[in-house]
Amino acid sequence: MKLSVEVTGIEEQQLSEVARRLNVPEEDLALAAVRDLLAQREADFDRAAAHVLAKNRELYRRLGDMQSR
């Protein structure tokens, strides 16, 4: 998918400076940032879901026992 976004002049300058410092094209830097954001959100969700499941494990077990009666 090709995506176009508008950034402010300051954001464009910051992106250019970081890309130049890392010696990568601005588009590659932006793509890496998007990928990192998506991966982080997935990891955060997985951690939160695991926490909720662990915290409520006993409740889910009891609910399952009630339904099997």
C-alpha atoms as a PDB file:
ATOM      1  CA  MET A   1       0.000   0.000   0.000  1.00  0.00           C
ATOM      2  CA  LYS A   2       1.269   3.422  -0.841  1.00  0.00           C
ATOM      3  CA  LEU A   3       0.509   6.079   1.753  1.00  0.00           C
ATOM      4  CA  SER A   4       0.810   9.836   1.631  1.00  0.00           C
ATOM      5  CA  VAL A   5       0.879  11.996   4.747  1.00  0.00           C
ATOM      6  CA  GLU A   6       1.181  15.712   5.375  1.00  0.00           C
ATOM      7  CA  VAL A   7       3.681  16.860   7.967  1.00  0.00           C
ATOM      8  CA  THR A   8       4.389  20.316   9.285  1.00  0.00           C
ATOM      9  CA  GLY A   9       7.502  22.173   8.256  1.00  0.00           C
ATOM     10  CA  ILE A  10       9.082  21.442  11.619  1.00  0.00           C
ATOM     11  CA  GLU A  11       8.265  17.719  11.345  1.00  0.00           C
ATOM     12  CA  GLU A  12       9.702  17.630   7.846  1.00  0.00           C
ATOM     13  CA  GLN A  13      12.878  19.294   9.058  1.00  0.00           C
ATOM     14  CA  GLN A  14      13.173  16.867  11.986  1.00  0.00           C
ATOM     15  CA  LEU A  15      12.607  13.872   9.709  1.00  0.00           C
ATOM     16  CA  SER A  16      15.217  15.151   7.267  1.00  0.00           C
ATOM     17  CA  GLU A  17      17.764  15.753  10.027  1.00  0.00           C
ATOM     18  CA  VAL A  18      17.333  12.301  11.548  1.00  0.00           C
ATOM     19  CA  ALA A  19      17.397  10.608   8.138  1.00  0.00           C
ATOM     20  CA  ARG A  20      20.569  12.474   7.224  1.00  0.00           C
ATOM     21  CA  ARG A  21      22.182  11.584  10.566  1.00  0.00           C
ATOM     22  CA  LEU A  22      21.294   7.896  10.056  1.00  0.00           C
ATOM     23  CA  ASN A  23      22.229   8.066   6.367  1.00  0.00           C
ATOM     24  CA  VAL A  24      18.899   6.653   5.193  1.00  0.00           C
ATOM     25  CA  PRO A  25      16.226   8.015   2.865  1.00  0.00           C
ATOM     26  CA  GLU A  26      13.413   9.902   4.609  1.00  0.00           C
ATOM     27  CA  GLU A  27      10.861   7.421   3.253  1.00  0.00           C
ATOM     28  CA  ASP A  28      12.756   4.482   4.784  1.00  0.00           C
ATOM     29  CA  LEU A  29      12.942   6.256   8.131  1.00  0.00           C
ATOM     30  CA  ALA A  30       9.217   7.006   8.076  1.00  0.00           C
ATOM     31  CA  LEU A  31       8.406   3.391   7.176  1.00  0.00           C
ATOM     32  CA  ALA A  32      10.623   2.126  10.001  1.00  0.00           C
ATOM     33  CA  ALA A  33       8.810   4.446  12.427  1.00  0.00           C
ATOM     34  CA  VAL A  34       5.410   3.142  11.329  1.00  0.00           C
ATOM     35  CA  ARG A  35       6.556  -0.471  11.643  1.00  0.00           C
ATOM     36  CA  ASP A  36       7.966   0.190  15.122  1.00  0.00           C
ATOM     37  CA  LEU A  37       4.713   1.832  16.192  1.00  0.00           C
ATOM     38  CA  LEU A  38       2.618  -1.087  14.954  1.00  0.00           C
ATOM     39  CA  ALA A  39       4.913  -3.667  16.546  1.00  0.00           C
ATOM     40  CA  GLN A  40       4.905  -1.791  19.860  1.00  0.00           C
ATOM     41  CA  ARG A  41       1.125  -1.526  19.928  1.00  0.00           C
ATOM     42  CA  GLU A  42       0.831  -5.265  19.257  1.00  0.00           C
ATOM     43  CA  ALA A  43       3.298  -6.058  22.030  1.00  0.00           C
ATOM     44  CA  ASP A  44       1.485  -3.716  24.428  1.00  0.00           C
ATOM     45  CA  PHE A  45      -1.852  -5.344  23.615  1.00  0.00           C
ATOM     46  CA  ASP A  46      -0.420  -8.840  24.056  1.00  0.00           C
ATOM     47  CA  ARG A  47       1.014  -7.888  27.470  1.00  0.00           C
ATOM     48  CA  ALA A  48      -2.269  -6.310  28.569  1.00  0.00           C
ATOM     49  CA  ALA A  49      -4.317  -9.284  27.378  1.00  0.00           C
ATOM     50  CA  ALA A  50      -2.007 -11.736  29.151  1.00  0.00           C
ATOM     51  CA  HIS A  51      -2.280  -9.683  32.353  1.00  0.00           C
ATOM     52  CA  VAL A  52      -6.081  -9.602  32.210  1.00  0.00           C
ATOM     53  CA  LEU A  53      -6.298 -13.321  31.461  1.00  0.00           C
ATOM     54  CA  ALA A  54      -3.931 -14.204  34.293  1.00  0.00           C
ATOM     55  CA  LYS A  55      -5.705 -11.870  36.713  1.00  0.00           C
ATOM     56  CA  ASN A  56      -9.113 -13.344  35.889  1.00  0.00           C
ATOM     57  CA  ARG A  57      -8.086 -16.975  35.391  1.00  0.00           C
ATOM     58  CA  GLU A  58      -9.946 -18.147  38.503  1.00  0.00           C
ATOM     59  CA  LEU A  59     -13.079 -16.241  37.487  1.00  0.00           C
ATOM     60  CA  TYR A  60     -13.020 -17.788  34.013  1.00  0.00           C
ATOM     61  CA  ARG A  61     -12.564 -21.250  35.554  1.00  0.00           C
ATOM     62  CA  ARG A  62     -15.570 -20.748  37.845  1.00  0.00           C
ATOM     63  CA  LEU A  63     -17.710 -19.471  34.983  1.00  0.00           C
ATOM     64  CA  GLY A  64     -16.737 -22.517  32.953  1.00  0.00           C
ATOM     65  CA  ASP A  65     -17.617 -24.828  35.836  1.00  0.00           C
ATOM     66  CA  MET A  66     -21.040 -23.151  36.198  1.00  0.00           C
ATOM     67  CA  GLN A  67     -21.832 -23.602  32.516  1.00  0.00           C
ATOM     68  CA  SER A  68     -20.870 -27.269  32.477  1.00  0.00           C
ATOM     69  CA  ARG A  69     -23.387 -28.102  35.234  1.00  0.00           C
END
